[in-house]
Amino acid sequence: MLHRPIVSLLPHTWNMSEIPIPIIILNWNGLEDTIECMTSILCIDNIPIEIILVDNGSKAEEQKRLTELYGQHPEINLVLNDENKGFTLGNDDIVQQILRREEVPPYIALLNNDTVVVTDWIKSLVETAEEYKGDIISSKMVNYYDRRVIDNLGHFMLNTGEILPYGHRDKKENYNEVLENLGACGGAVLYRTSMIQEIGFFDLYFDTGYEDAELGLRAKLLGYNCIMDPKAVVYHKVSRSINKIRDDAYLQHIQTNIFYTYLKLMPRSFLLVNMVFVIAKYFMWFVFGVFTLQLKLIRLHTKTLYLFFKQDLKLAREGRSVFYGRFKKRIEQVDMSKLDIRFFFITDIKRLLFHINAR
């Protein structure tokens, strides 16, 4: 599917808000990355911002160093957590505090600590949000180590349930227009506060990973506008934080997150039509594992299915009951054909070939 540029919905009318835009940055034992990220953020001008740096239970010496560097900084609000709350709860705690303020900002931004931003990053996101009536605005995330290549432009979805990064590994110069997507990577995103107030923020079922994907799909199903701003460039070190916890248990957890999101949010008619493709997909991966003697891959998928049906299916049903109980009429009005949902086969063949070549 070709990427789809969209046209401006409104003439440019944005006036700088007097309320600073909060930018929430989480750190977890990533001091060097965080220092580089903060250096780039402190170069931002032309728009009032509030930098909220949250240390998510790092080692004592790292928290001490962060306090020395930023504890008394006039532009930074340093928050030190006693434990690692994960990406979801670490951000949600701060967002809920912001929403309880007397003066609530019009937008809230999240930024990974393993990023470097251009000086007009947040200004461009806000201007694009105003001009295109955006509710979730993705950054143009470029690979930090190879700046010719896209890391993430937001999300798209496969009909079998996976929500994947838009534009990943494509050439940077191919994306120079505002594009419609299916939500944003939480590593560099602007959220409209009024949307969060209406539909909620991250689902606390998640810990670290996929919370941003679920929120984007939820917003899109409810008619909110999700777009990518090509001028809001962020250089991303590509999963530096995730790589600290990436193991079989994490991969298994991400797969259960996919099942949970799919069953919680997608309309029943969509699930019924596409369930045959979900079964075909897992059969394909099973056959691949058998023929390539990757018993680890077979065990991973088998255990994931077993644990989901044993532990998480009930949670997905409960989440679905709450979601559809509140928003069923709005979801029924959504034209599913206009969502960026792609047939799984070609994408999965490409991923399979990449997996083979990487071995």
Protein backbone atom coordinates (compact mmCIF):
# COMPACT_ATOMS: atom_id res chain seq x y z
CA MET A 1 0.00 0.00 0.00
CA LEU A 2 1.38 3.43 -0.93
CA HIS A 3 1.63 6.06 1.74
CA ARG A 4 -1.17 8.61 1.58
CA PRO A 5 -0.47 12.35 1.80
CA ILE A 6 -3.33 14.42 3.17
CA VAL A 7 -4.30 17.99 2.54
CA SER A 8 -4.59 20.75 5.09
CA LEU A 9 -8.00 20.87 6.72
CA LEU A 10 -7.70 24.43 7.97
CA PRO A 11 -5.73 27.54 7.08
CA HIS A 12 -2.80 27.98 9.45
CA THR A 13 -4.25 29.81 12.46
CA TRP A 14 -2.14 28.60 15.37
CA ASN A 15 -1.33 31.09 18.09
CA MET A 16 1.28 30.10 20.65
CA SER A 17 -0.39 28.98 23.85
CA GLU A 18 0.60 30.74 27.05
CA ILE A 19 0.45 27.37 28.78
CA PRO A 20 3.76 25.52 28.23
CA ILE A 21 3.62 22.19 26.39
CA PRO A 22 4.81 19.40 28.72
CA ILE A 23 7.46 17.07 27.27
CA ILE A 24 7.76 13.87 29.32
CA ILE A 25 11.07 11.99 29.10
CA LEU A 26 11.70 8.71 30.93
CA ASN A 27 15.17 7.55 31.91
CA TRP A 28 16.11 4.09 33.11
CA ASN A 29 19.85 3.48 33.47
CA GLY A 30 20.50 5.40 30.27
CA LEU A 31 22.46 8.40 31.54
CA GLU A 32 24.61 9.07 28.48
CA ASP A 33 21.64 8.88 26.12
CA THR A 34 19.58 11.09 28.41
CA ILE A 35 22.25 13.78 28.59
CA GLU A 36 22.45 13.93 24.79
CA CYS A 37 18.65 14.04 24.54
CA MET A 38 18.36 16.80 27.15
CA THR A 39 21.04 18.84 25.42
CA SER A 40 18.97 18.83 22.23
CA ILE A 41 15.73 19.61 24.07
CA LEU A 42 17.28 22.59 25.85
CA CYS A 43 18.07 24.10 22.44
CA ILE A 44 14.35 24.30 21.59
CA ASP A 45 13.05 27.84 21.25
CA ASN A 46 10.08 29.80 19.89
CA ILE A 47 7.53 27.88 21.96
CA PRO A 48 6.97 27.61 25.73
CA ILE A 49 7.71 24.08 26.98
CA GLU A 50 7.86 22.28 30.31
CA ILE A 51 10.48 19.52 30.44
CA ILE A 52 9.52 16.72 32.83
CA LEU A 53 12.40 14.29 33.24
CA VAL A 54 11.36 11.12 35.06
CA ASP A 55 13.97 8.70 36.33
CA ASN A 56 12.30 5.29 36.43
CA GLY A 57 14.16 3.70 39.34
CA SER A 58 17.71 3.78 37.96
CA LYS A 59 20.76 2.89 40.03
CA ALA A 60 21.45 5.22 42.96
CA GLU A 61 24.58 6.70 41.39
CA GLU A 62 22.65 7.53 38.21
CA GLN A 63 19.86 9.26 40.12
CA LYS A 64 22.51 11.22 42.00
CA ARG A 65 24.13 12.32 38.74
CA LEU A 66 20.77 13.35 37.25
CA THR A 67 20.04 15.40 40.38
CA GLU A 68 23.42 17.14 40.06
CA LEU A 69 22.82 17.94 36.41
CA TYR A 70 19.11 18.79 36.35
CA GLY A 71 17.75 18.96 39.90
CA GLN A 72 18.09 22.74 40.11
CA HIS A 73 17.67 23.52 36.42
CA PRO A 74 15.01 26.25 35.97
CA GLU A 75 13.54 24.64 32.83
CA ILE A 76 13.42 21.04 34.09
CA ASN A 77 11.11 19.28 36.53
CA LEU A 78 13.05 16.22 37.71
CA VAL A 79 10.99 13.33 39.12
CA LEU A 80 12.80 10.42 40.81
CA ASN A 81 10.84 7.16 41.07
CA ASP A 82 11.84 4.58 43.66
CA GLU A 83 11.14 1.75 41.22
CA ASN A 84 10.91 1.07 37.51
CA LYS A 85 7.24 1.65 36.68
CA GLY A 86 7.71 0.74 33.02
CA PHE A 87 6.94 2.99 30.09
CA THR A 88 3.16 2.82 30.47
CA LEU A 89 2.75 3.66 34.14
CA GLY A 90 5.81 5.92 34.22
CA ASN A 91 4.20 8.18 31.63
CA ASP A 92 0.62 7.72 32.84
CA ASP A 93 1.43 8.95 36.35
CA ILE A 94 2.71 12.24 34.96
CA VAL A 95 -0.11 12.63 32.41
CA GLN A 96 -2.76 12.16 35.11
CA GLN A 97 -1.07 14.80 37.26
CA ILE A 98 -1.09 17.22 34.31
CA LEU A 99 -4.79 16.58 33.66
CA ARG A 100 -5.58 17.49 37.29
CA ARG A 101 -4.01 20.93 36.98
CA GLU A 102 -6.07 24.10 37.11
CA GLU A 103 -4.75 25.07 33.69
CA VAL A 104 -4.48 22.04 31.41
CA PRO A 105 -2.16 22.41 28.39
CA PRO A 106 -3.66 21.83 24.93
CA TYR A 107 -1.10 19.12 24.13
CA ILE A 108 1.22 16.69 25.89
CA ALA A 109 4.38 15.31 24.26
CA LEU A 110 6.30 12.11 25.01
CA LEU A 111 9.93 11.65 24.03
CA ASN A 112 12.30 8.71 24.45
CA ASN A 113 15.58 9.44 26.18
CA ASP A 114 17.49 7.70 23.36
CA THR A 115 16.59 10.44 20.87
CA VAL A 116 17.97 13.72 19.60
CA VAL A 117 15.51 16.33 18.28
CA VAL A 118 15.83 19.21 15.84
CA THR A 119 15.35 22.67 17.36
CA ASP A 120 11.84 23.22 15.96
CA TRP A 121 10.61 19.67 16.70
CA ILE A 122 7.85 20.48 19.18
CA LYS A 123 6.89 23.75 17.48
CA SER A 124 6.38 21.90 14.19
CA LEU A 125 4.27 19.20 15.86
CA VAL A 126 1.96 21.79 17.43
CA GLU A 127 1.66 23.79 14.21
CA THR A 128 0.82 20.64 12.26
CA ALA A 129 -1.72 19.61 14.89
CA GLU A 130 -3.44 22.96 14.56
CA GLU A 131 -3.33 23.12 10.77
CA TYR A 132 -4.53 19.57 10.13
CA LYS A 133 -6.75 19.13 13.19
CA GLY A 134 -4.45 16.37 14.41
CA ASP A 135 -5.12 14.53 17.65
CA ILE A 136 -2.11 12.18 17.60
CA ILE A 137 0.86 13.59 15.73
CA SER A 138 3.81 11.33 14.93
CA SER A 139 7.35 12.59 14.50
CA LYS A 140 9.54 11.70 11.55
CA MET A 141 11.78 9.29 13.46
CA VAL A 142 15.05 8.70 11.62
CA ASN A 143 17.67 6.06 12.47
CA TYR A 144 20.30 7.82 14.58
CA TYR A 145 23.11 5.66 13.20
CA ASP A 146 22.08 5.77 9.54
CA ARG A 147 20.35 9.08 8.91
CA ARG A 148 19.30 8.14 5.41
CA VAL A 149 16.82 5.60 6.82
CA ILE A 150 13.43 5.89 8.54
CA ASP A 151 12.90 4.24 11.90
CA ASN A 152 9.22 5.05 12.46
CA LEU A 153 6.53 7.33 11.03
CA GLY A 154 3.73 6.05 13.22
CA HIS A 155 1.80 2.81 12.77
CA PHE A 156 -0.19 0.70 10.35
CA MET A 157 -2.01 -2.56 11.04
CA LEU A 158 -2.21 -6.02 9.51
CA ASN A 159 -5.59 -7.69 9.23
CA THR A 160 -4.20 -10.42 11.52
CA GLY A 161 -3.78 -7.94 14.36
CA GLU A 162 -0.16 -6.79 14.43
CA ILE A 163 0.39 -3.05 14.62
CA LEU A 164 3.72 -2.27 12.95
CA PRO A 165 6.00 0.75 12.39
CA TYR A 166 5.16 2.77 9.30
CA GLY A 167 8.06 3.37 6.89
CA HIS A 168 10.58 1.28 8.82
CA ARG A 169 13.87 0.89 6.86
CA ASP A 170 12.57 3.06 3.98
CA LYS A 171 14.57 5.98 2.62
CA LYS A 172 14.08 9.23 4.52
CA GLU A 173 13.60 11.34 1.39
CA ASN A 174 10.48 9.36 0.42
CA TYR A 175 8.44 11.02 3.18
CA ASN A 176 8.22 14.79 2.95
CA GLU A 177 4.46 15.35 3.24
CA VAL A 178 2.01 15.13 6.12
CA LEU A 179 0.64 11.58 6.12
CA GLU A 180 -2.30 9.81 7.71
CA ASN A 181 -1.41 6.81 9.88
CA LEU A 182 -2.87 4.59 12.60
CA GLY A 183 -1.30 6.28 15.61
CA ALA A 184 2.19 7.16 16.77
CA CYS A 185 5.23 5.61 18.36
CA GLY A 186 5.26 6.78 21.98
CA GLY A 187 8.95 7.58 21.63
CA ALA A 188 8.29 10.94 19.94
CA VAL A 189 4.65 11.99 19.82
CA LEU A 190 2.25 14.84 20.51
CA TYR A 191 -1.19 14.05 21.96
CA ARG A 192 -4.13 16.46 22.03
CA THR A 193 -5.20 16.74 25.66
CA SER A 194 -8.93 16.95 24.94
CA MET A 195 -8.71 13.54 23.23
CA ILE A 196 -7.01 12.00 26.28
CA GLN A 197 -9.65 13.52 28.55
CA GLU A 198 -12.40 11.88 26.50
CA ILE A 199 -11.02 8.40 25.69
CA GLY A 200 -8.30 7.97 28.31
CA PHE A 201 -4.57 7.51 27.99
CA PHE A 202 -2.50 4.31 28.04
CA ASP A 203 -4.24 1.09 29.03
CA LEU A 204 -2.51 -0.07 32.22
CA TYR A 205 -2.73 -3.67 31.03
CA PHE A 206 0.55 -2.86 29.27
CA ASP A 207 3.94 -2.37 30.88
CA THR A 208 6.57 -1.47 28.28
CA GLY A 209 5.63 -1.94 24.65
CA TYR A 210 2.44 -1.71 22.57
CA GLU A 211 0.63 0.77 24.80
CA ASP A 212 1.12 3.45 22.16
CA ALA A 213 -0.18 1.10 19.42
CA GLU A 214 -3.35 0.31 21.35
CA LEU A 215 -4.01 4.00 22.04
CA GLY A 216 -3.56 4.91 18.37
CA LEU A 217 -5.95 2.20 17.18
CA ARG A 218 -8.47 3.11 19.87
CA ALA A 219 -8.34 6.77 18.84
CA LYS A 220 -8.69 5.93 15.15
CA LEU A 221 -11.70 3.67 15.78
CA LEU A 222 -13.32 6.59 17.59
CA GLY A 223 -12.79 9.00 14.70
CA TYR A 224 -9.73 10.91 15.86
CA ASN A 225 -7.15 12.19 13.40
CA CYS A 226 -3.71 10.53 13.45
CA ILE A 227 -1.01 12.06 11.25
CA MET A 228 2.76 12.27 10.75
CA ASP A 229 4.63 15.58 10.62
CA PRO A 230 7.64 15.32 8.23
CA LYS A 231 9.26 18.46 9.65
CA ALA A 232 9.31 17.16 13.23
CA VAL A 233 12.53 15.19 12.85
CA VAL A 234 13.84 13.01 15.67
CA TYR A 235 16.98 10.89 15.49
CA HIS A 236 16.32 7.65 17.33
CA LYS A 237 18.88 5.17 18.62
CA VAL A 238 16.39 2.39 17.83
CA SER A 239 15.25 0.45 20.89
CA ARG A 240 18.18 1.23 23.17
CA SER A 241 15.93 0.98 26.22
CA ILE A 242 13.96 -2.03 24.93
CA ASN A 243 17.17 -3.93 24.17
CA LYS A 244 17.93 -3.93 27.91
CA ILE A 245 14.89 -6.16 28.51
CA ARG A 246 14.50 -7.91 25.14
CA ASP A 247 14.39 -11.66 25.77
CA ASP A 248 11.96 -14.52 25.13
CA ALA A 249 9.69 -13.35 27.93
CA TYR A 250 9.52 -9.85 26.44
CA LEU A 251 8.80 -11.14 22.92
CA GLN A 252 6.13 -13.42 24.33
CA HIS A 253 4.63 -10.48 26.22
CA ILE A 254 4.49 -8.35 23.06
CA GLN A 255 2.61 -11.14 21.27
CA THR A 256 0.04 -11.34 24.07
CA ASN A 257 -0.28 -7.55 23.79
CA ILE A 258 -1.17 -7.99 20.11
CA PHE A 259 -3.89 -10.53 20.93
CA TYR A 260 -5.23 -8.36 23.75
CA THR A 261 -5.47 -5.23 21.59
CA TYR A 262 -7.03 -7.09 18.65
CA LEU A 263 -9.74 -8.72 20.75
CA LYS A 264 -10.37 -5.68 22.90
CA LEU A 265 -10.84 -3.12 20.13
CA MET A 266 -11.76 -4.61 16.75
CA PRO A 267 -15.43 -4.90 15.72
CA ARG A 268 -16.89 -8.41 15.92
CA SER A 269 -17.59 -8.56 12.16
CA PHE A 270 -13.94 -7.75 11.44
CA LEU A 271 -12.74 -10.45 13.83
CA LEU A 272 -15.02 -13.09 12.30
CA VAL A 273 -13.90 -12.33 8.74
CA ASN A 274 -10.19 -12.26 9.57
CA MET A 275 -9.88 -15.10 12.08
CA VAL A 276 -9.17 -17.58 9.29
CA PHE A 277 -6.15 -15.47 8.30
CA VAL A 278 -4.93 -15.37 11.90
CA ILE A 279 -5.03 -19.19 12.00
CA ALA A 280 -3.32 -19.43 8.59
CA LYS A 281 -0.60 -17.05 9.72
CA TYR A 282 0.28 -19.06 12.82
CA PHE A 283 0.22 -22.27 10.85
CA MET A 284 2.67 -20.68 8.39
CA TRP A 285 5.06 -19.72 11.19
CA PHE A 286 4.75 -23.18 12.73
CA VAL A 287 5.64 -24.84 9.40
CA PHE A 288 8.56 -22.44 9.01
CA GLY A 289 9.80 -23.40 12.47
CA VAL A 290 9.54 -27.12 11.70
CA PHE A 291 11.32 -26.95 8.34
CA THR A 292 14.10 -24.74 9.67
CA LEU A 293 14.39 -26.75 12.91
CA GLN A 294 13.77 -23.66 15.01
CA LEU A 295 12.27 -25.40 17.99
CA LYS A 296 12.71 -22.23 20.04
CA LEU A 297 10.38 -20.35 17.67
CA ILE A 298 7.76 -23.10 17.91
CA ARG A 299 7.97 -23.17 21.71
CA LEU A 300 7.69 -19.37 21.86
CA HIS A 301 4.50 -19.21 19.78
CA THR A 302 2.95 -22.25 21.46
CA LYS A 303 3.62 -20.93 24.96
CA THR A 304 2.33 -17.49 23.99
CA LEU A 305 -1.00 -18.91 22.79
CA TYR A 306 -1.32 -21.09 25.88
CA LEU A 307 -0.61 -18.27 28.34
CA PHE A 308 -2.87 -15.80 26.57
CA PHE A 309 -5.88 -18.10 26.67
CA LYS A 310 -5.08 -19.06 30.26
CA GLN A 311 -4.31 -15.61 31.71
CA ASP A 312 -5.20 -12.73 29.42
CA LEU A 313 -8.29 -13.66 27.41
CA LYS A 314 -10.51 -12.72 30.34
CA LEU A 315 -8.80 -9.33 30.59
CA ALA A 316 -9.31 -8.71 26.87
CA ARG A 317 -13.01 -9.55 27.20
CA GLU A 318 -13.36 -7.22 30.18
CA GLY A 319 -11.57 -4.42 28.32
CA ARG A 320 -13.80 -4.98 25.29
CA SER A 321 -16.93 -4.86 27.42
CA VAL A 322 -15.92 -1.49 28.89
CA PHE A 323 -14.81 -0.06 25.53
CA TYR A 324 -17.88 -1.11 23.55
CA GLY A 325 -20.20 -0.37 26.42
CA ARG A 326 -19.08 3.24 26.25
CA PHE A 327 -18.32 3.83 22.57
CA LYS A 328 -20.28 1.26 20.53
CA LYS A 329 -22.35 3.81 18.60
CA ARG A 330 -19.26 5.81 17.61
CA ILE A 331 -17.40 2.71 16.44
CA GLU A 332 -20.36 1.65 14.29
CA GLN A 333 -20.05 4.93 12.38
CA VAL A 334 -16.39 4.35 11.44
CA ASP A 335 -15.62 3.31 7.85
CA MET A 336 -13.13 0.47 8.42
CA SER A 337 -11.97 0.65 4.81
CA LYS A 338 -10.43 4.06 5.53
CA LEU A 339 -8.17 2.71 8.28
CA ASP A 340 -4.64 1.74 7.32
CA ILE A 341 -5.19 -2.02 7.69
CA ARG A 342 -3.25 -4.17 5.23
CA PHE A 343 -3.53 -7.81 4.23
CA PHE A 344 -0.90 -9.74 6.18
CA PHE A 345 0.63 -12.02 3.55
CA ILE A 346 3.06 -9.76 1.67
CA THR A 347 4.25 -8.01 4.83
CA ASP A 348 4.80 -11.31 6.61
CA ILE A 349 6.68 -12.82 3.67
CA LYS A 350 9.02 -9.81 3.75
CA ARG A 351 9.48 -10.23 7.50
CA LEU A 352 10.09 -13.95 7.03
CA LEU A 353 12.78 -13.31 4.40
CA PHE A 354 14.39 -10.70 6.63
CA HIS A 355 14.38 -13.20 9.50
CA ILE A 356 16.04 -15.83 7.28
CA ASN A 357 18.70 -13.39 6.02
CA ALA A 358 19.44 -12.24 9.55
CA ARG A 359 20.29 -15.76 10.71
